[in-house]
């Protein structure tokens, strides 16, 4: 299966990788400070790079035994439609009783 974004072709997955289609992106106050070339506690956002940030979405491709197509996950893929990783840093979530968007807010912070 080949997935293409509206602006970029996505590389085929390799063994152990998982691809997530992001449904929600975090929008946090510190991000505005990253867009100004001034002193800030957050690193400057490089031009032409994806804005870093939390995401919640659905696994659409998987070559990782820990994740199945259809799993809902929280990760840090930034402001982009798709994220691809080896699964590290992804956490499965259950949207049966809690909306996915809540995982970027009230129920999202877990140690």
PDB file of N, CA and C in Angstrom:
ATOM      1  N   UNK A   1       0.842  -1.177   0.000  1.00  0.00           N
ATOM      2  CA  UNK A   1       0.000   0.000   0.000  1.00  0.00           C
ATOM      3  C   UNK A   1       0.879   1.228   0.000  1.00  0.00           C
ATOM      4  N   UNK A   2       0.578   2.177  -0.839  1.00  0.00           N
ATOM      5  CA  UNK A   2       1.347   3.403  -0.916  1.00  0.00           C
ATOM      6  C   UNK A   2       0.466   4.575  -0.513  1.00  0.00           C
ATOM      7  N   UNK A   3       0.943   5.352   0.430  1.00  0.00           N
ATOM      8  CA  UNK A   3       0.194   6.522   0.881  1.00  0.00           C
ATOM      9  C   UNK A   3       0.968   7.750   0.431  1.00  0.00           C
ATOM     10  N   UNK A   4       0.255   8.728  -0.094  1.00  0.00           N
ATOM     11  CA  UNK A   4       0.890   9.994  -0.434  1.00  0.00           C
ATOM     12  C   UNK A   4       0.176  11.114   0.289  1.00  0.00           C
ATOM     13  N   UNK A   5       0.928  12.043   0.759  1.00  0.00           N
ATOM     14  CA  UNK A   5       0.385  13.241   1.369  1.00  0.00           C
ATOM     15  C   UNK A   5       0.077  14.219   0.247  1.00  0.00           C
ATOM     16  N   UNK A   6      -0.606  15.285   0.560  1.00  0.00           N
ATOM     17  CA  UNK A   6      -0.927  16.264  -0.470  1.00  0.00           C
ATOM     18  C   UNK A   6       0.311  16.930  -1.046  1.00  0.00           C
ATOM     19  N   UNK A   7       1.418  16.908  -0.328  1.00  0.00           N
ATOM     20  CA  UNK A   7       2.614  17.574  -0.838  1.00  0.00           C
ATOM     21  C   UNK A   7       3.852  16.690  -0.871  1.00  0.00           C
ATOM     22  N   UNK A   8       3.806  15.510  -0.310  1.00  0.00           N
ATOM     23  CA  UNK A   8       4.992  14.679  -0.207  1.00  0.00           C
ATOM     24  C   UNK A   8       4.640  13.208  -0.366  1.00  0.00           C
ATOM     25  N   UNK A   9       5.467  12.476  -1.108  1.00  0.00           N
ATOM     26  CA  UNK A   9       5.319  11.022  -1.146  1.00  0.00           C
ATOM     27  C   UNK A   9       5.991  10.455   0.090  1.00  0.00           C
ATOM     28  N   UNK A  10       5.354   9.491   0.709  1.00  0.00           N
ATOM     29  CA  UNK A  10       5.906   8.893   1.917  1.00  0.00           C
ATOM     30  C   UNK A  10       6.675   7.634   1.553  1.00  0.00           C
ATOM     31  N   UNK A  11       7.823   7.476   2.166  1.00  0.00           N
ATOM     32  CA  UNK A  11       8.655   6.304   1.929  1.00  0.00           C
ATOM     33  C   UNK A  11       7.956   5.050   2.442  1.00  0.00           C
ATOM     34  N   UNK A  12       8.159   3.912   1.778  1.00  0.00           N
ATOM     35  CA  UNK A  12       7.595   2.656   2.296  1.00  0.00           C
ATOM     36  C   UNK A  12       8.168   2.356   3.684  1.00  0.00           C
ATOM     37  N   UNK A  13       7.363   1.721   4.517  1.00  0.00           N
ATOM     38  CA  UNK A  13       7.825   1.351   5.856  1.00  0.00           C
ATOM     39  C   UNK A  13       8.868   0.252   5.781  1.00  0.00           C
ATOM     40  N   UNK A  14       9.786   0.280   6.731  1.00  0.00           N
ATOM     41  CA  UNK A  14      10.728  -0.809   6.906  1.00  0.00           C
ATOM     42  C   UNK A  14      10.282  -1.618   8.121  1.00  0.00           C
ATOM     43  N   UNK A  15      10.876  -2.783   8.324  1.00  0.00           N
ATOM     44  CA  UNK A  15      10.506  -3.623   9.466  1.00  0.00           C
ATOM     45  C   UNK A  15      10.621  -2.842  10.768  1.00  0.00           C
ATOM     46  N   UNK A  16       9.593  -2.939  11.593  1.00  0.00           N
ATOM     47  CA  UNK A  16       9.569  -2.282  12.892  1.00  0.00           C
ATOM     48  C   UNK A  16       8.947  -0.897  12.877  1.00  0.00           C
ATOM     49  N   UNK A  17       8.665  -0.358  11.703  1.00  0.00           N
ATOM     50  CA  UNK A  17       8.099   0.987  11.638  1.00  0.00           C
ATOM     51  C   UNK A  17       6.577   0.975  11.662  1.00  0.00           C
ATOM     52  N   UNK A  18       6.029   2.128  12.011  1.00  0.00           N
ATOM     53  CA  UNK A  18       4.590   2.338  12.055  1.00  0.00           C
ATOM     54  C   UNK A  18       4.298   3.722  11.472  1.00  0.00           C
ATOM     55  N   UNK A  19       3.182   3.836  10.747  1.00  0.00           N
ATOM     56  CA  UNK A  19       2.776   5.126  10.193  1.00  0.00           C
ATOM     57  C   UNK A  19       1.434   5.520  10.794  1.00  0.00           C
ATOM     58  N   UNK A  20       1.372   6.774  11.236  1.00  0.00           N
ATOM     59  CA  UNK A  20       0.190   7.307  11.904  1.00  0.00           C
ATOM     60  C   UNK A  20      -0.355   8.475  11.085  1.00  0.00           C
ATOM     61  N   UNK A  21      -1.654   8.472  10.889  1.00  0.00           N
ATOM     62  CA  UNK A  21      -2.331   9.646  10.315  1.00  0.00           C
ATOM     63  C   UNK A  21      -2.822  10.466  11.491  1.00  0.00           C
ATOM     64  N   UNK A  22      -2.307  11.671  11.602  1.00  0.00           N
ATOM     65  CA  UNK A  22      -2.668  12.539  12.713  1.00  0.00           C
ATOM     66  C   UNK A  22      -4.068  13.095  12.528  1.00  0.00           C
ATOM     67  N   UNK A  23      -4.870  13.012  13.590  1.00  0.00           N
ATOM     68  CA  UNK A  23      -6.208  13.586  13.581  1.00  0.00           C
ATOM     69  C   UNK A  23      -6.244  14.924  14.316  1.00  0.00           C
ATOM     70  N   UNK A  24      -5.404  15.059  15.352  1.00  0.00           N
ATOM     71  CA  UNK A  24      -5.359  16.293  16.137  1.00  0.00           C
ATOM     72  C   UNK A  24      -3.908  16.656  16.414  1.00  0.00           C
ATOM     73  N   UNK A  25      -3.624  17.956  16.396  1.00  0.00           N
ATOM     74  CA  UNK A  25      -2.293  18.499  16.654  1.00  0.00           C
ATOM     75  C   UNK A  25      -2.381  19.443  17.843  1.00  0.00           C
ATOM     76  N   UNK A  26      -1.374  19.425  18.689  1.00  0.00           N
ATOM     77  CA  UNK A  26      -1.401  20.365  19.812  1.00  0.00           C
ATOM     78  C   UNK A  26      -1.047  21.765  19.323  1.00  0.00           C
ATOM     79  N   UNK A  27      -1.634  22.725  19.969  1.00  0.00           N
ATOM     80  CA  UNK A  27      -1.346  24.131  19.710  1.00  0.00           C
ATOM     81  C   UNK A  27      -1.110  24.753  21.075  1.00  0.00           C
ATOM     82  N   UNK A  28       0.151  24.959  21.394  1.00  0.00           N
ATOM     83  CA  UNK A  28       0.532  25.395  22.731  1.00  0.00           C
ATOM     84  C   UNK A  28       1.132  26.793  22.695  1.00  0.00           C
ATOM     85  N   UNK A  29       0.938  27.578  23.755  1.00  0.00           N
ATOM     86  CA  UNK A  29       1.420  28.959  23.772  1.00  0.00           C
ATOM     87  C   UNK A  29       2.921  29.097  23.480  1.00  0.00           C
ATOM     88  N   UNK A  30       3.749  28.168  23.943  1.00  0.00           N
ATOM     89  CA  UNK A  30       5.190  28.297  23.737  1.00  0.00           C
ATOM     90  C   UNK A  30       5.565  28.289  22.253  1.00  0.00           C
ATOM     91  N   UNK A  31       4.703  27.724  21.412  1.00  0.00           N
ATOM     92  CA  UNK A  31       5.009  27.630  19.983  1.00  0.00           C
ATOM     93  C   UNK A  31       5.128  29.005  19.348  1.00  0.00           C
ATOM     94  N   UNK A  32       4.336  29.969  19.811  1.00  0.00           N
ATOM     95  CA  UNK A  32       4.429  31.332  19.271  1.00  0.00           C
ATOM     96  C   UNK A  32       5.806  31.905  19.536  1.00  0.00           C
ATOM     97  N   UNK A  33       6.330  31.666  20.720  1.00  0.00           N
ATOM     98  CA  UNK A  33       7.665  32.156  21.053  1.00  0.00           C
ATOM     99  C   UNK A  33       8.753  31.538  20.196  1.00  0.00           C
ATOM    100  N   UNK A  34       8.539  30.329  19.743  1.00  0.00           N
ATOM    101  CA  UNK A  34       9.523  29.656  18.887  1.00  0.00           C
ATOM    102  C   UNK A  34       9.594  30.282  17.499  1.00  0.00           C
ATOM    103  N   UNK A  35       8.564  31.056  17.132  1.00  0.00           N
ATOM    104  CA  UNK A  35       8.519  31.652  15.796  1.00  0.00           C
ATOM    105  C   UNK A  35       9.144  33.042  15.749  1.00  0.00           C
ATOM    106  N   UNK A  36       9.546  33.576  16.876  1.00  0.00           N
ATOM    107  CA  UNK A  36      10.215  34.881  16.931  1.00  0.00           C
ATOM    108  C   UNK A  36      11.703  34.675  17.160  1.00  0.00           C
ATOM    109  N   UNK A  37      12.492  35.472  16.494  1.00  0.00           N
ATOM    110  CA  UNK A  37      13.941  35.401  16.689  1.00  0.00           C
ATOM    111  C   UNK A  37      14.316  36.290  17.880  1.00  0.00           C
ATOM    112  N   UNK A  38      13.860  35.864  19.050  1.00  0.00           N
ATOM    113  CA  UNK A  38      14.157  36.602  20.273  1.00  0.00           C
ATOM    114  C   UNK A  38      14.422  35.605  21.395  1.00  0.00           C
ATOM    115  N   UNK A  39      14.931  36.106  22.501  1.00  0.00           N
ATOM    116  CA  UNK A  39      15.270  35.244  23.625  1.00  0.00           C
ATOM    117  C   UNK A  39      14.026  34.520  24.127  1.00  0.00           C
ATOM    118  N   UNK A  40      14.149  33.205  24.292  1.00  0.00           N
ATOM    119  CA  UNK A  40      13.029  32.399  24.747  1.00  0.00           C
ATOM    120  C   UNK A  40      13.562  31.147  25.423  1.00  0.00           C
ATOM    121  N   UNK A  41      12.752  30.546  26.261  1.00  0.00           N
ATOM    122  CA  UNK A  41      13.129  29.278  26.877  1.00  0.00           C
ATOM    123  C   UNK A  41      13.007  28.124  25.886  1.00  0.00           C
ATOM    124  N   UNK A  42      12.294  28.332  24.784  1.00  0.00           N
ATOM    125  CA  UNK A  42      12.114  27.288  23.768  1.00  0.00           C
ATOM    126  C   UNK A  42      13.026  27.581  22.578  1.00  0.00           C
ATOM    127  N   UNK A  43      13.537  26.535  21.979  1.00  0.00           N
ATOM    128  CA  UNK A  43      14.421  26.683  20.825  1.00  0.00           C
ATOM    129  C   UNK A  43      13.672  27.320  19.651  1.00  0.00           C
ATOM    130  N   UNK A  44      14.391  28.093  18.851  1.00  0.00           N
ATOM    131  CA  UNK A  44      13.834  28.729  17.669  1.00  0.00           C
ATOM    132  C   UNK A  44      13.356  27.668  16.683  1.00  0.00           C
ATOM    133  N   UNK A  45      12.195  27.881  16.090  1.00  0.00           N
ATOM    134  CA  UNK A  45      11.659  26.969  15.078  1.00  0.00           C
ATOM    135  C   UNK A  45      12.396  27.206  13.763  1.00  0.00           C
ATOM    136  N   UNK A  46      13.132  26.201  13.266  1.00  0.00           N
ATOM    137  CA  UNK A  46      13.831  26.386  11.985  1.00  0.00           C
ATOM    138  C   UNK A  46      12.831  26.557  10.835  1.00  0.00           C
ATOM    139  N   UNK A  47      13.182  27.432   9.897  1.00  0.00           N
ATOM    140  CA  UNK A  47      12.350  27.612   8.720  1.00  0.00           C
ATOM    141  C   UNK A  47      12.310  26.326   7.904  1.00  0.00           C
ATOM    142  N   UNK A  48      11.185  26.082   7.271  1.00  0.00           N
ATOM    143  CA  UNK A  48      10.995  24.914   6.403  1.00  0.00           C
ATOM    144  C   UNK A  48      11.107  23.577   7.127  1.00  0.00           C
ATOM    145  N   UNK A  49      10.923  23.583   8.435  1.00  0.00           N
ATOM    146  CA  UNK A  49      10.910  22.358   9.234  1.00  0.00           C
ATOM    147  C   UNK A  49       9.525  22.205   9.862  1.00  0.00           C
ATOM    148  N   UNK A  50       9.155  20.973  10.151  1.00  0.00           N
ATOM    149  CA  UNK A  50       7.864  20.706  10.786  1.00  0.00           C
ATOM    150  C   UNK A  50       7.859  21.263  12.202  1.00  0.00           C
ATOM    151  N   UNK A  51       6.805  21.999  12.543  1.00  0.00           N
ATOM    152  CA  UNK A  51       6.661  22.508  13.910  1.00  0.00           C
ATOM    153  C   UNK A  51       6.465  21.324  14.836  1.00  0.00           C
ATOM    154  N   UNK A  52       7.317  21.211  15.837  1.00  0.00           N
ATOM    155  CA  UNK A  52       7.225  20.106  16.781  1.00  0.00           C
ATOM    156  C   UNK A  52       5.973  20.277  17.632  1.00  0.00           C
ATOM    157  N   UNK A  53       5.390  19.164  18.033  1.00  0.00           N
ATOM    158  CA  UNK A  53       4.223  19.233  18.898  1.00  0.00           C
ATOM    159  C   UNK A  53       3.555  17.882  19.035  1.00  0.00           C
ATOM    160  N   UNK A  54       2.742  17.766  20.053  1.00  0.00           N
ATOM    161  CA  UNK A  54       2.021  16.533  20.311  1.00  0.00           C
ATOM    162  C   UNK A  54       0.945  16.279  19.272  1.00  0.00           C
ATOM    163  N   UNK A  55       0.685  15.005  19.039  1.00  0.00           N
ATOM    164  CA  UNK A  55      -0.335  14.599  18.076  1.00  0.00           C
ATOM    165  C   UNK A  55      -1.102  13.399  18.622  1.00  0.00           C
ATOM    166  N   UNK A  56      -2.296  13.219  18.104  1.00  0.00           N
ATOM    167  CA  UNK A  56      -3.054  12.009  18.372  1.00  0.00           C
ATOM    168  C   UNK A  56      -3.661  11.584  17.049  1.00  0.00           C
ATOM    169  N   UNK A  57      -3.556  10.296  16.768  1.00  0.00           N
ATOM    170  CA  UNK A  57      -4.046   9.821  15.486  1.00  0.00           C
ATOM    171  C   UNK A  57      -4.272   8.327  15.460  1.00  0.00           C
ATOM    172  N   UNK A  58      -4.300   7.801  14.242  1.00  0.00           N
ATOM    173  CA  UNK A  58      -4.632   6.397  14.016  1.00  0.00           C
ATOM    174  C   UNK A  58      -3.555   5.732  13.172  1.00  0.00           C
ATOM    175  N   UNK A  59      -3.179   4.533  13.559  1.00  0.00           N
ATOM    176  CA  UNK A  59      -2.194   3.764  12.792  1.00  0.00           C
ATOM    177  C   UNK A  59      -2.838   3.376  11.462  1.00  0.00           C
ATOM    178  N   UNK A  60      -2.176   3.741  10.346  1.00  0.00           N
ATOM    179  CA  UNK A  60      -2.696   3.419   9.022  1.00  0.00           C
ATOM    180  C   UNK A  60      -1.847   2.383   8.298  1.00  0.00           C
ATOM    181  N   UNK A  61      -0.626   2.198   8.761  1.00  0.00           N
ATOM    182  CA  UNK A  61       0.266   1.156   8.236  1.00  0.00           C
ATOM    183  C   UNK A  61       1.135   0.692   9.386  1.00  0.00           C
ATOM    184  N   UNK A  62       1.481  -0.587   9.404  1.00  0.00           N
ATOM    185  CA  UNK A  62       2.339  -1.063  10.481  1.00  0.00           C
ATOM    186  C   UNK A  62       3.159  -2.272  10.048  1.00  0.00           C
ATOM    187  N   UNK A  63       4.437  -2.182  10.359  1.00  0.00           N
ATOM    188  CA  UNK A  63       5.336  -3.327  10.276  1.00  0.00           C
ATOM    189  C   UNK A  63       5.972  -3.523  11.645  1.00  0.00           C
ATOM    190  N   UNK A  64       5.222  -3.129  12.668  1.00  0.00           N
ATOM    191  CA  UNK A  64       5.653  -3.229  14.054  1.00  0.00           C
ATOM    192  C   UNK A  64       4.627  -4.095  14.777  1.00  0.00           C
ATOM    193  N   UNK A  65       5.054  -5.199  15.377  1.00  0.00           N
ATOM    194  CA  UNK A  65       4.107  -6.110  16.021  1.00  0.00           C
ATOM    195  C   UNK A  65       3.357  -5.501  17.210  1.00  0.00           C
ATOM    196  N   UNK A  66       3.822  -4.390  17.754  1.00  0.00           N
ATOM    197  CA  UNK A  66       3.155  -3.759  18.886  1.00  0.00           C
ATOM    198  C   UNK A  66       1.985  -2.877  18.478  1.00  0.00           C
ATOM    199  N   UNK A  67       1.859  -2.587  17.171  1.00  0.00           N
ATOM    200  CA  UNK A  67       0.825  -1.674  16.700  1.00  0.00           C
ATOM    201  C   UNK A  67       0.106  -2.269  15.499  1.00  0.00           C
ATOM    202  N   UNK A  68      -1.236  -2.220  15.562  1.00  0.00           N
ATOM    203  CA  UNK A  68      -2.064  -2.735  14.472  1.00  0.00           C
ATOM    204  C   UNK A  68      -2.760  -1.568  13.769  1.00  0.00           C
ATOM    205  N   UNK A  69      -3.080  -1.776  12.509  1.00  0.00           N
ATOM    206  CA  UNK A  69      -3.851  -0.772  11.785  1.00  0.00           C
ATOM    207  C   UNK A  69      -5.152  -0.538  12.551  1.00  0.00           C
ATOM    208  N   UNK A  70      -5.473   0.722  12.749  1.00  0.00           N
ATOM    209  CA  UNK A  70      -6.672   1.092  13.501  1.00  0.00           C
ATOM    210  C   UNK A  70      -6.401   1.485  14.941  1.00  0.00           C
ATOM    211  N   UNK A  71      -5.220   1.119  15.489  1.00  0.00           N
ATOM    212  CA  UNK A  71      -4.880   1.551  16.851  1.00  0.00           C
ATOM    213  C   UNK A  71      -4.854   3.069  16.904  1.00  0.00           C
ATOM    214  N   UNK A  72      -5.378   3.637  17.986  1.00  0.00           N
ATOM    215  CA  UNK A  72      -5.304   5.074  18.229  1.00  0.00           C
ATOM    216  C   UNK A  72      -4.093   5.313  19.115  1.00  0.00           C
ATOM    217  N   UNK A  73      -3.284   6.334  18.769  1.00  0.00           N
ATOM    218  CA  UNK A  73      -2.036   6.570  19.488  1.00  0.00           C
ATOM    219  C   UNK A  73      -1.772   8.057  19.694  1.00  0.00           C
ATOM    220  N   UNK A  74      -1.007   8.334  20.731  1.00  0.00           N
ATOM    221  CA  UNK A  74      -0.496   9.667  21.014  1.00  0.00           C
ATOM    222  C   UNK A  74       1.003   9.634  20.756  1.00  0.00           C
ATOM    223  N   UNK A  75       1.510  10.674  20.122  1.00  0.00           N
ATOM    224  CA  UNK A  75       2.942  10.768  19.840  1.00  0.00           C
ATOM    225  C   UNK A  75       3.347  12.225  19.688  1.00  0.00           C
ATOM    226  N   UNK A  76       4.542  12.417  19.147  1.00  0.00           N
ATOM    227  CA  UNK A  76       5.037  13.769  18.882  1.00  0.00           C
ATOM    228  C   UNK A  76       5.507  13.805  17.436  1.00  0.00           C
ATOM    229  N   UNK A  77       4.544  13.960  16.538  1.00  0.00           N
ATOM    230  CA  UNK A  77       4.854  14.002  15.108  1.00  0.00           C
ATOM    231  C   UNK A  77       4.823  15.410  14.552  1.00  0.00           C
ATOM    232  N   UNK A  78       4.397  16.374  15.343  1.00  0.00           N
ATOM    233  CA  UNK A  78       4.373  17.754  14.877  1.00  0.00           C
ATOM    234  C   UNK A  78       3.240  18.037  13.912  1.00  0.00           C
ATOM    235  N   UNK A  79       3.281  19.223  13.361  1.00  0.00           N
ATOM    236  CA  UNK A  79       2.202  19.712  12.504  1.00  0.00           C
ATOM    237  C   UNK A  79       2.343  19.146  11.101  1.00  0.00           C
ATOM    238  N   UNK A  80       1.963  17.904  10.952  1.00  0.00           N
ATOM    239  CA  UNK A  80       1.959  17.252   9.646  1.00  0.00           C
ATOM    240  C   UNK A  80       0.883  16.178   9.639  1.00  0.00           C
ATOM    241  N   UNK A  81       0.464  15.794   8.460  1.00  0.00           N
ATOM    242  CA  UNK A  81      -0.632  14.841   8.342  1.00  0.00           C
ATOM    243  C   UNK A  81      -0.239  13.442   8.783  1.00  0.00           C
ATOM    244  N   UNK A  82       0.969  13.014   8.455  1.00  0.00           N
ATOM    245  CA  UNK A  82       1.436  11.667   8.782  1.00  0.00           C
ATOM    246  C   UNK A  82       2.719  11.721   9.589  1.00  0.00           C
ATOM    247  N   UNK A  83       2.904  10.736  10.447  1.00  0.00           N
ATOM    248  CA  UNK A  83       4.147  10.545  11.173  1.00  0.00           C
ATOM    249  C   UNK A  83       4.587   9.104  11.022  1.00  0.00           C
ATOM    250  N   UNK A  84       5.886   8.896  10.930  1.00  0.00           N
ATOM    251  CA  UNK A  84       6.450   7.556  10.788  1.00  0.00           C
ATOM    252  C   UNK A  84       7.549   7.376  11.821  1.00  0.00           C
ATOM    253  N   UNK A  85       7.524   6.241  12.529  1.00  0.00           N
ATOM    254  CA  UNK A  85       8.565   5.996  13.525  1.00  0.00           C
ATOM    255  C   UNK A  85       8.728   4.504  13.765  1.00  0.00           C
ATOM    256  N   UNK A  86       9.643   4.198  14.676  1.00  0.00           N
ATOM    257  CA  UNK A  86       9.854   2.803  15.072  1.00  0.00           C
ATOM    258  C   UNK A  86       8.928   2.406  16.215  1.00  0.00           C
ATOM    259  N   UNK A  87       8.020   3.275  16.576  1.00  0.00           N
ATOM    260  CA  UNK A  87       7.061   2.989  17.642  1.00  0.00           C
ATOM    261  C   UNK A  87       7.470   3.520  18.999  1.00  0.00           C
ATOM    262  N   UNK A  88       8.741   3.885  19.168  1.00  0.00           N
ATOM    263  CA  UNK A  88       9.175   4.449  20.453  1.00  0.00           C
ATOM    264  C   UNK A  88       8.517   5.811  20.637  1.00  0.00           C
ATOM    265  N   UNK A  89       8.021   6.055  21.830  1.00  0.00           N
ATOM    266  CA  UNK A  89       7.367   7.319  22.119  1.00  0.00           C
ATOM    267  C   UNK A  89       5.890   7.337  21.770  1.00  0.00           C
ATOM    268  N   UNK A  90       5.391   6.268  21.169  1.00  0.00           N
ATOM    269  CA  UNK A  90       3.960   6.168  20.883  1.00  0.00           C
ATOM    270  C   UNK A  90       3.265   5.489  22.050  1.00  0.00           C
ATOM    271  N   UNK A  91       2.064   5.955  22.347  1.00  0.00           N
ATOM    272  CA  UNK A  91       1.277   5.349  23.417  1.00  0.00           C
ATOM    273  C   UNK A  91      -0.127   5.101  22.884  1.00  0.00           C
ATOM    274  N   UNK A  92      -0.586   3.859  23.008  1.00  0.00           N
ATOM    275  CA  UNK A  92      -1.950   3.538  22.592  1.00  0.00           C
ATOM    276  C   UNK A  92      -2.936   4.195  23.546  1.00  0.00           C
ATOM    277  N   UNK A  93      -4.042   4.654  22.990  1.00  0.00           N
ATOM    278  CA  UNK A  93      -5.108   5.251  23.790  1.00  0.00           C
ATOM    279  C   UNK A  93      -6.442   4.644  23.367  1.00  0.00           C
ATOM    280  N   UNK A  94      -7.419   4.786  24.234  1.00  0.00           N
ATOM    281  CA  UNK A  94      -8.749   4.226  23.999  1.00  0.00           C
ATOM    282  C   UNK A  94      -9.733   5.371  23.819  1.00  0.00           C
ATOM    283  N   UNK A  95     -10.361   5.439  22.648  1.00  0.00           N
ATOM    284  CA  UNK A  95     -11.322   6.516  22.401  1.00  0.00           C
ATOM    285  C   UNK A  95     -12.769   6.047  22.545  1.00  0.00           C
ATOM    286  N   UNK A  96     -12.960   4.912  23.218  1.00  0.00           N
ATOM    287  CA  UNK A  96     -14.304   4.397  23.427  1.00  0.00           C
ATOM    288  C   UNK A  96     -15.150   5.354  24.263  1.00  0.00           C
ATOM    289  N   UNK A  97     -14.570   5.903  25.334  1.00  0.00           N
ATOM    290  CA  UNK A  97     -15.313   6.782  26.243  1.00  0.00           C
ATOM    291  C   UNK A  97     -14.719   8.190  26.331  1.00  0.00           C
ATOM    292  N   UNK A  98     -13.544   8.366  25.772  1.00  0.00           N
ATOM    293  CA  UNK A  98     -12.869   9.665  25.833  1.00  0.00           C
ATOM    294  C   UNK A  98     -12.541  10.084  24.404  1.00  0.00           C
ATOM    295  N   UNK A  99     -12.920  11.288  23.980  1.00  0.00           N
ATOM    296  CA  UNK A  99     -12.604  11.726  22.621  1.00  0.00           C
ATOM    297  C   UNK A  99     -11.088  11.816  22.404  1.00  0.00           C
ATOM    298  N   UNK A 100     -10.649  11.488  21.210  1.00  0.00           N
ATOM    299  CA  UNK A 100      -9.215  11.525  20.915  1.00  0.00           C
ATOM    300  C   UNK A 100      -8.592  12.878  21.233  1.00  0.00           C
ATOM    301  N   UNK A 101      -9.283  13.947  20.923  1.00  0.00           N
ATOM    302  CA  UNK A 101      -8.717  15.279  21.149  1.00  0.00           C
ATOM    303  C   UNK A 101      -8.377  15.517  22.614  1.00  0.00           C
ATOM    304  N   UNK A 102      -9.067  14.881  23.543  1.00  0.00           N
ATOM    305  CA  UNK A 102      -8.807  15.071  24.977  1.00  0.00           C
ATOM    306  C   UNK A 102      -7.426  14.556  25.386  1.00  0.00           C
ATOM    307  N   UNK A 103      -6.851  13.662  24.595  1.00  0.00           N
ATOM    308  CA  UNK A 103      -5.527  13.133  24.914  1.00  0.00           C
ATOM    309  C   UNK A 103      -4.422  14.155  24.694  1.00  0.00           C
ATOM    310  N   UNK A 104      -4.743  15.283  24.067  1.00  0.00           N
ATOM    311  CA  UNK A 104      -3.780  16.376  23.942  1.00  0.00           C
ATOM    312  C   UNK A 104      -4.019  17.442  24.993  1.00  0.00           C
ATOM    313  N   UNK A 105      -4.962  17.186  25.879  1.00  0.00           N
ATOM    314  CA  UNK A 105      -5.290  18.150  26.924  1.00  0.00           C
ATOM    315  C   UNK A 105      -5.511  17.476  28.249  1.00  0.00           C
ATOM    316  N   UNK A 106      -6.752  17.452  28.721  1.00  0.00           N
ATOM    317  CA  UNK A 106      -7.044  17.028  30.089  1.00  0.00           C
ATOM    318  C   UNK A 106      -6.591  15.624  30.477  1.00  0.00           C
ATOM    319  N   UNK A 107      -6.615  14.679  29.576  1.00  0.00           N
ATOM    320  CA  UNK A 107      -6.200  13.310  29.928  1.00  0.00           C
ATOM    321  C   UNK A 107      -4.882  12.915  29.260  1.00  0.00           C
ATOM    322  N   UNK A 108      -4.197  13.875  28.687  1.00  0.00           N
ATOM    323  CA  UNK A 108      -3.009  13.564  27.900  1.00  0.00           C
ATOM    324  C   UNK A 108      -1.705  13.473  28.669  1.00  0.00           C
ATOM    325  N   UNK A 109      -1.564  14.203  29.733  1.00  0.00           N
ATOM    326  CA  UNK A 109      -0.293  14.218  30.454  1.00  0.00           C
ATOM    327  C   UNK A 109      -0.220  13.046  31.422  1.00  0.00           C
ATOM    328  N   UNK A 110       0.681  12.130  31.144  1.00  0.00           N
ATOM    329  CA  UNK A 110       0.905  11.001  32.024  1.00  0.00           C
ATOM    330  C   UNK A 110       2.392  10.809  32.195  1.00  0.00           C
ATOM    331  N   UNK A 111       2.794  10.525  33.385  1.00  0.00           N
ATOM    332  CA  UNK A 111       4.229  10.324  33.677  1.00  0.00           C
ATOM    333  C   UNK A 111       4.668   8.960  33.247  1.00  0.00           C
TER     334      UNK A 111
END
